[in-house]
Amino acid sequence: MSYFVVFVTEADNSKKEQYFADHMKYLDDLREQGAIIANGKFVDGSLGLIIFRGESQAEVELIVSRSPFAIHGVREFKVHEWAAKWGTVS
């Protein structure tokens, strides 16, 4: 199992409201399944970030391509494999 970071940038914000609820449901379902470890937007609004756990970059790219935001061109997603080092949480 590997980790992947997905940078999310704006493509066509005019469609955001139309597909926002479907996109968030898609991410919520992936988080519940354990594919997404965390997701959110940067406070300055510049972009979003999703941390995935997956078998391959191709698998994560396929999952991301099925997001309503990707399908309808609302956001662009750039997937990077991540050699994560995890600390302990107290």
Protein backbone atom coordinates (compact mmCIF):
# COMPACT_ATOMS: atom_id res chain seq x y z
CA MET A 1 0.00 0.00 0.00
CA SER A 2 1.33 3.45 -0.95
CA TYR A 3 0.32 7.03 -0.20
CA PHE A 4 -0.60 9.66 -2.74
CA VAL A 5 -1.12 13.41 -2.45
CA VAL A 6 -3.59 15.03 -4.83
CA PHE A 7 -3.41 18.77 -5.43
CA VAL A 8 -6.77 20.21 -6.45
CA THR A 9 -6.95 23.44 -8.45
CA GLU A 10 -9.79 25.47 -9.94
CA ALA A 11 -10.79 24.78 -13.55
CA ASP A 12 -14.37 26.10 -14.00
CA ASN A 13 -15.72 27.58 -10.79
CA SER A 14 -19.05 28.48 -12.45
CA LYS A 15 -20.14 24.84 -12.00
CA LYS A 16 -19.01 24.49 -8.37
CA GLU A 17 -22.38 24.89 -6.68
CA GLN A 18 -24.10 22.56 -9.12
CA TYR A 19 -21.76 19.62 -8.36
CA PHE A 20 -20.45 20.43 -4.86
CA ALA A 21 -22.78 18.13 -2.86
CA ASP A 22 -22.14 15.18 -5.20
CA HIS A 23 -18.39 15.74 -5.06
CA MET A 24 -18.35 15.91 -1.25
CA LYS A 25 -20.48 12.74 -1.03
CA TYR A 26 -18.00 11.00 -3.32
CA LEU A 27 -15.09 12.04 -1.07
CA ASP A 28 -17.01 11.13 2.11
CA ASP A 29 -17.65 7.63 0.74
CA LEU A 30 -13.97 7.19 -0.16
CA ARG A 31 -12.95 8.35 3.33
CA GLU A 32 -15.35 5.83 4.91
CA GLN A 33 -13.87 3.08 2.71
CA GLY A 34 -10.35 4.00 3.88
CA ALA A 35 -9.08 5.16 0.47
CA ILE A 36 -8.86 8.80 1.62
CA ILE A 37 -6.95 9.58 4.79
CA ALA A 38 -7.70 13.31 4.77
CA ASN A 39 -8.96 16.04 2.47
CA GLY A 40 -9.61 19.75 2.67
CA LYS A 41 -8.93 23.16 1.23
CA PHE A 42 -6.15 25.56 2.12
CA VAL A 43 -7.38 28.42 4.30
CA ASP A 44 -6.16 30.99 1.75
CA GLY A 45 -8.42 29.37 -0.87
CA SER A 46 -5.54 28.70 -3.26
CA LEU A 47 -6.20 24.98 -3.70
CA GLY A 48 -7.26 21.75 -2.04
CA LEU A 49 -5.41 18.64 -0.95
CA ILE A 50 -6.43 14.99 -0.73
CA ILE A 51 -4.27 12.27 0.83
CA PHE A 52 -5.01 8.81 -0.56
CA ARG A 53 -3.93 5.31 0.35
CA GLY A 54 -3.80 3.07 -2.71
CA GLU A 55 -2.09 0.32 -4.66
CA SER A 56 -0.82 2.47 -7.53
CA GLN A 57 -0.83 5.94 -9.02
CA ALA A 58 -3.00 4.62 -11.87
CA GLU A 59 -5.59 3.41 -9.35
CA VAL A 60 -5.72 6.78 -7.58
CA GLU A 61 -5.88 8.66 -10.89
CA LEU A 62 -8.85 6.49 -11.90
CA ILE A 63 -10.62 7.14 -8.59
CA VAL A 64 -10.01 10.89 -8.91
CA SER A 65 -11.25 10.91 -12.52
CA ARG A 66 -14.62 9.60 -11.29
CA SER A 67 -15.22 12.57 -8.99
CA PRO A 68 -18.15 14.73 -10.11
CA PHE A 69 -15.77 17.72 -10.06
CA ALA A 70 -13.40 15.94 -12.45
CA ILE A 71 -16.16 14.61 -14.72
CA HIS A 72 -17.70 18.08 -15.13
CA GLY A 73 -14.43 20.01 -15.33
CA VAL A 74 -14.92 21.97 -12.10
CA ARG A 75 -11.48 21.14 -10.70
CA GLU A 76 -8.18 19.74 -11.96
CA PHE A 77 -6.44 17.01 -9.96
CA LYS A 78 -2.70 16.32 -9.95
CA VAL A 79 -1.68 13.02 -8.32
CA HIS A 80 1.78 12.50 -6.78
CA GLU A 81 3.04 9.38 -5.05
CA TRP A 82 4.23 10.36 -1.57
CA ALA A 83 6.98 8.71 0.48
CA ALA A 84 5.27 9.59 3.74
CA LYS A 85 6.95 9.44 7.14
CA TRP A 86 4.37 9.36 9.91
CA GLY A 87 4.91 10.59 13.44
CA THR A 88 3.02 9.44 16.48
CA VAL A 89 -0.08 11.29 17.56
CA SER A 90 -0.61 11.77 21.26
